[in-house]
C-alpha atoms as a PDB file:
ATOM      1  CA  UNK A   1     -30.684 106.517-123.361  1.00  0.00           C
ATOM      2  CA  UNK A   2     -30.668 103.141-121.672  1.00  0.00           C
ATOM      3  CA  UNK A   3     -29.363  99.640-122.308  1.00  0.00           C
ATOM      4  CA  UNK A   4     -32.565  98.773-124.209  1.00  0.00           C
ATOM      5  CA  UNK A   5     -31.726 101.334-126.919  1.00  0.00           C
ATOM      6  CA  UNK A   6     -28.545  99.370-127.710  1.00  0.00           C
ATOM      7  CA  UNK A   7     -29.970  95.828-127.567  1.00  0.00           C
ATOM      8  CA  UNK A   8     -29.769  93.911-130.837  1.00  0.00           C
ATOM      9  CA  UNK A   9     -27.381  92.966-133.602  1.00  0.00           C
ATOM     10  CA  UNK A  10     -25.608  95.700-135.551  1.00  0.00           C
ATOM     11  CA  UNK A  11     -23.755  95.317-138.883  1.00  0.00           C
ATOM     12  CA  UNK A  12     -20.692  97.469-139.520  1.00  0.00           C
ATOM     13  CA  UNK A  13     -21.282  99.981-142.319  1.00  0.00           C
ATOM     14  CA  UNK A  14     -18.143 102.105-142.209  1.00  0.00           C
ATOM     15  CA  UNK A  15     -15.052 102.989-140.203  1.00  0.00           C
ATOM     16  CA  UNK A  16     -13.355 106.377-140.283  1.00  0.00           C
ATOM     17  CA  UNK A  17     -10.067 106.683-138.424  1.00  0.00           C
ATOM     18  CA  UNK A  18      -8.376 109.995-137.701  1.00  0.00           C
ATOM     19  CA  UNK A  19      -4.915 110.880-136.459  1.00  0.00           C
ATOM     20  CA  UNK A  20      -4.314 113.133-133.474  1.00  0.00           C
ATOM     21  CA  UNK A  21      -4.064 116.174-135.786  1.00  0.00           C
ATOM     22  CA  UNK A  22      -7.494 115.365-137.279  1.00  0.00           C
ATOM     23  CA  UNK A  23      -6.201 114.080-140.620  1.00  0.00           C
ATOM     24  CA  UNK A  24      -7.743 110.926-142.077  1.00  0.00           C
ATOM     25  CA  UNK A  25      -5.863 107.631-141.636  1.00  0.00           C
ATOM     26  CA  UNK A  26      -6.913 105.114-144.281  1.00  0.00           C
ATOM     27  CA  UNK A  27      -7.165 101.477-143.212  1.00  0.00           C
ATOM     28  CA  UNK A  28      -9.282  99.810-145.882  1.00  0.00           C
ATOM     29  CA  UNK A  29     -12.791  98.350-145.821  1.00  0.00           C
ATOM     30  CA  UNK A  30     -14.005  96.453-142.754  1.00  0.00           C
ATOM     31  CA  UNK A  31     -16.762  93.897-142.141  1.00  0.00           C
ATOM     32  CA  UNK A  32     -18.213  92.939-138.775  1.00  0.00           C
ATOM     33  CA  UNK A  33     -20.951  92.695-136.167  1.00  0.00           C
ATOM     34  CA  UNK A  34     -21.684  94.199-132.772  1.00  0.00           C
ATOM     35  CA  UNK A  35     -24.190  92.508-130.464  1.00  0.00           C
ATOM     36  CA  UNK A  36     -25.727  93.950-127.295  1.00  0.00           C
ATOM     37  CA  UNK A  37     -27.872  91.624-125.141  1.00  0.00           C
ATOM     38  CA  UNK A  38     -30.742  92.627-122.835  1.00  0.00           C
ATOM     39  CA  UNK A  39     -28.764  91.066-119.954  1.00  0.00           C
ATOM     40  CA  UNK A  40     -26.062  93.717-120.335  1.00  0.00           C
ATOM     41  CA  UNK A  41     -23.474  91.766-122.310  1.00  0.00           C
ATOM     42  CA  UNK A  42     -21.849  92.742-125.592  1.00  0.00           C
ATOM     43  CA  UNK A  43     -19.558  91.276-128.205  1.00  0.00           C
ATOM     44  CA  UNK A  44     -17.896  92.783-131.245  1.00  0.00           C
ATOM     45  CA  UNK A  45     -15.851  91.283-134.070  1.00  0.00           C
ATOM     46  CA  UNK A  46     -14.708  92.977-137.216  1.00  0.00           C
ATOM     47  CA  UNK A  47     -12.046  92.367-139.797  1.00  0.00           C
ATOM     48  CA  UNK A  48     -10.329  93.858-142.775  1.00  0.00           C
ATOM     49  CA  UNK A  49     -11.963  92.603-145.965  1.00  0.00           C
ATOM     50  CA  UNK A  50      -9.834  90.460-148.274  1.00  0.00           C
ATOM     51  CA  UNK A  51      -7.664  88.849-145.596  1.00  0.00           C
ATOM     52  CA  UNK A  52      -5.310  86.199-146.976  1.00  0.00           C
ATOM     53  CA  UNK A  53      -6.051  82.577-146.100  1.00  0.00           C
ATOM     54  CA  UNK A  54      -3.340  80.435-144.464  1.00  0.00           C
ATOM     55  CA  UNK A  55      -1.675  78.324-147.170  1.00  0.00           C
ATOM     56  CA  UNK A  56      -1.743  75.207-144.957  1.00  0.00           C
ATOM     57  CA  UNK A  57      -5.448  75.473-144.094  1.00  0.00           C
ATOM     58  CA  UNK A  58      -4.469  74.655-140.474  1.00  0.00           C
ATOM     59  CA  UNK A  59      -5.960  77.082-137.924  1.00  0.00           C
ATOM     60  CA  UNK A  60      -2.770  76.897-135.832  1.00  0.00           C
ATOM     61  CA  UNK A  61      -0.356  76.151-138.660  1.00  0.00           C
ATOM     62  CA  UNK A  62       0.079  79.508-140.370  1.00  0.00           C
ATOM     63  CA  UNK A  63       3.488  81.006-140.972  1.00  0.00           C
ATOM     64  CA  UNK A  64       4.646  83.875-138.762  1.00  0.00           C
ATOM     65  CA  UNK A  65       3.799  86.356-141.538  1.00  0.00           C
ATOM     66  CA  UNK A  66       0.340  84.821-142.040  1.00  0.00           C
ATOM     67  CA  UNK A  67      -0.355  85.041-138.294  1.00  0.00           C
ATOM     68  CA  UNK A  68       0.804  88.661-138.111  1.00  0.00           C
ATOM     69  CA  UNK A  69      -1.416  89.630-141.048  1.00  0.00           C
ATOM     70  CA  UNK A  70      -4.390  87.762-139.547  1.00  0.00           C
ATOM     71  CA  UNK A  71      -3.949  89.441-136.148  1.00  0.00           C
ATOM     72  CA  UNK A  72      -3.450  92.913-137.621  1.00  0.00           C
ATOM     73  CA  UNK A  73      -6.634  92.580-139.670  1.00  0.00           C
ATOM     74  CA  UNK A  74      -9.006  91.527-136.878  1.00  0.00           C
ATOM     75  CA  UNK A  75     -10.506  92.948-133.671  1.00  0.00           C
ATOM     76  CA  UNK A  76     -12.702  90.992-131.286  1.00  0.00           C
ATOM     77  CA  UNK A  77     -13.730  91.449-127.670  1.00  0.00           C
ATOM     78  CA  UNK A  78     -16.689  90.895-125.349  1.00  0.00           C
ATOM     79  CA  UNK A  79     -17.920  91.500-121.835  1.00  0.00           C
ATOM     80  CA  UNK A  80     -20.487  93.593-120.000  1.00  0.00           C
ATOM     81  CA  UNK A  81     -21.651  97.051-121.040  1.00  0.00           C
ATOM     82  CA  UNK A  82     -23.086 100.106-119.307  1.00  0.00           C
ATOM     83  CA  UNK A  83     -24.685 103.305-120.570  1.00  0.00           C
ATOM     84  CA  UNK A  84     -23.755 106.538-118.781  1.00  0.00           C
ATOM     85  CA  UNK A  85     -24.731 109.949-120.126  1.00  0.00           C
ATOM     86  CA  UNK A  86     -23.333 110.293-123.670  1.00  0.00           C
ATOM     87  CA  UNK A  87     -21.117 107.186-123.437  1.00  0.00           C
ATOM     88  CA  UNK A  88     -21.474 103.437-123.656  1.00  0.00           C
ATOM     89  CA  UNK A  89     -18.814 101.654-121.622  1.00  0.00           C
ATOM     90  CA  UNK A  90     -17.514  98.254-122.715  1.00  0.00           C
ATOM     91  CA  UNK A  91     -16.148  96.293-119.730  1.00  0.00           C
ATOM     92  CA  UNK A  92     -13.828  93.891-121.535  1.00  0.00           C
ATOM     93  CA  UNK A  93     -13.572  90.327-120.207  1.00  0.00           C
ATOM     94  CA  UNK A  94     -12.417  88.476-123.362  1.00  0.00           C
ATOM     95  CA  UNK A  95     -10.247  89.986-126.101  1.00  0.00           C
ATOM     96  CA  UNK A  96      -8.041  89.025-129.019  1.00  0.00           C
ATOM     97  CA  UNK A  97      -5.697  91.797-127.785  1.00  0.00           C
ATOM     98  CA  UNK A  98      -4.806  90.646-124.243  1.00  0.00           C
ATOM     99  CA  UNK A  99      -3.939  94.161-123.025  1.00  0.00           C
ATOM    100  CA  UNK A 100      -7.633  95.132-123.197  1.00  0.00           C
ATOM    101  CA  UNK A 101      -8.804  92.435-120.757  1.00  0.00           C
ATOM    102  CA  UNK A 102     -10.109  94.145-117.626  1.00  0.00           C
ATOM    103  CA  UNK A 103     -10.349  97.580-119.270  1.00  0.00           C
ATOM    104  CA  UNK A 104     -13.397  99.834-119.260  1.00  0.00           C
ATOM    105  CA  UNK A 105     -13.436 101.363-122.730  1.00  0.00           C
ATOM    106  CA  UNK A 106     -15.676 104.355-123.317  1.00  0.00           C
ATOM    107  CA  UNK A 107     -17.354 105.071-126.634  1.00  0.00           C
ATOM    108  CA  UNK A 108     -19.286 108.225-127.435  1.00  0.00           C
ATOM    109  CA  UNK A 109     -22.516 107.262-129.179  1.00  0.00           C
ATOM    110  CA  UNK A 110     -25.274 108.721-131.305  1.00  0.00           C
ATOM    111  CA  UNK A 111     -28.403 107.183-132.826  1.00  0.00           C
ATOM    112  CA  UNK A 112     -30.168 108.141-136.044  1.00  0.00           C
ATOM    113  CA  UNK A 113     -33.029 105.905-137.181  1.00  0.00           C
ATOM    114  CA  UNK A 114     -31.518 102.380-137.397  1.00  0.00           C
ATOM    115  CA  UNK A 115     -27.932 103.644-137.237  1.00  0.00           C
ATOM    116  CA  UNK A 116     -25.596 103.686-134.240  1.00  0.00           C
ATOM    117  CA  UNK A 117     -22.324 105.626-134.405  1.00  0.00           C
ATOM    118  CA  UNK A 118     -19.617 104.834-131.858  1.00  0.00           C
ATOM    119  CA  UNK A 119     -16.522 107.020-131.514  1.00  0.00           C
ATOM    120  CA  UNK A 120     -13.407 106.100-129.583  1.00  0.00           C
ATOM    121  CA  UNK A 121     -11.155 108.478-127.712  1.00  0.00           C
ATOM    122  CA  UNK A 122      -7.575 108.631-128.992  1.00  0.00           C
ATOM    123  CA  UNK A 123      -5.753 105.323-128.521  1.00  0.00           C
ATOM    124  CA  UNK A 124      -2.402 103.877-129.565  1.00  0.00           C
ATOM    125  CA  UNK A 125      -2.731 101.875-132.798  1.00  0.00           C
ATOM    126  CA  UNK A 126       0.282 100.885-134.889  1.00  0.00           C
ATOM    127  CA  UNK A 127       2.485 103.480-133.182  1.00  0.00           C
ATOM    128  CA  UNK A 128       0.010 106.329-133.814  1.00  0.00           C
ATOM    129  CA  UNK A 129      -2.626 107.968-131.646  1.00  0.00           C
ATOM    130  CA  UNK A 130      -5.898 107.386-133.511  1.00  0.00           C
ATOM    131  CA  UNK A 131      -9.613 107.936-132.955  1.00  0.00           C
ATOM    132  CA  UNK A 132     -12.144 105.767-134.780  1.00  0.00           C
ATOM    133  CA  UNK A 133     -15.741 106.471-135.734  1.00  0.00           C
ATOM    134  CA  UNK A 134     -17.689 103.294-136.488  1.00  0.00           C
ATOM    135  CA  UNK A 135     -21.140 103.385-138.069  1.00  0.00           C
ATOM    136  CA  UNK A 136     -23.370 100.374-137.360  1.00  0.00           C
ATOM    137  CA  UNK A 137     -26.774  99.546-138.893  1.00  0.00           C
ATOM    138  CA  UNK A 138     -29.364  97.565-136.919  1.00  0.00           C
ATOM    139  CA  UNK A 139     -29.917  94.116-138.441  1.00  0.00           C
ATOM    140  CA  UNK A 140     -33.609  93.601-139.158  1.00  0.00           C
ATOM    141  CA  UNK A 141     -33.535  90.506-141.414  1.00  0.00           C
END
């Protein structure tokens, strides 16, 4: 596989998250997009469906609880990407979670027709070691 196999816009279809022991960890339905460019850049954003709006309507004026809920229900990062063997590597330059900036995050991948599945290695999420399997469908419309 090469970069050209990844190029395009992908819509999130499903997320399955598993604990270290292999048991399923339920997190609710997600909605999002993943974009790979021919120049070797990528960006991903996805969120928990049904997030609560800030009562004030002010993008910076939410309460502490509103901000915590908004942050916990959203993931976004972008940067360069590389394809090596059975992995795509996201070289993170911009991220909602500042700890990821500068990281090289590996994802195992598989393609089937217009579907791309990305799987993460175990990582610390909410105090638990979790692995996620995200299924993306190529946007054709």
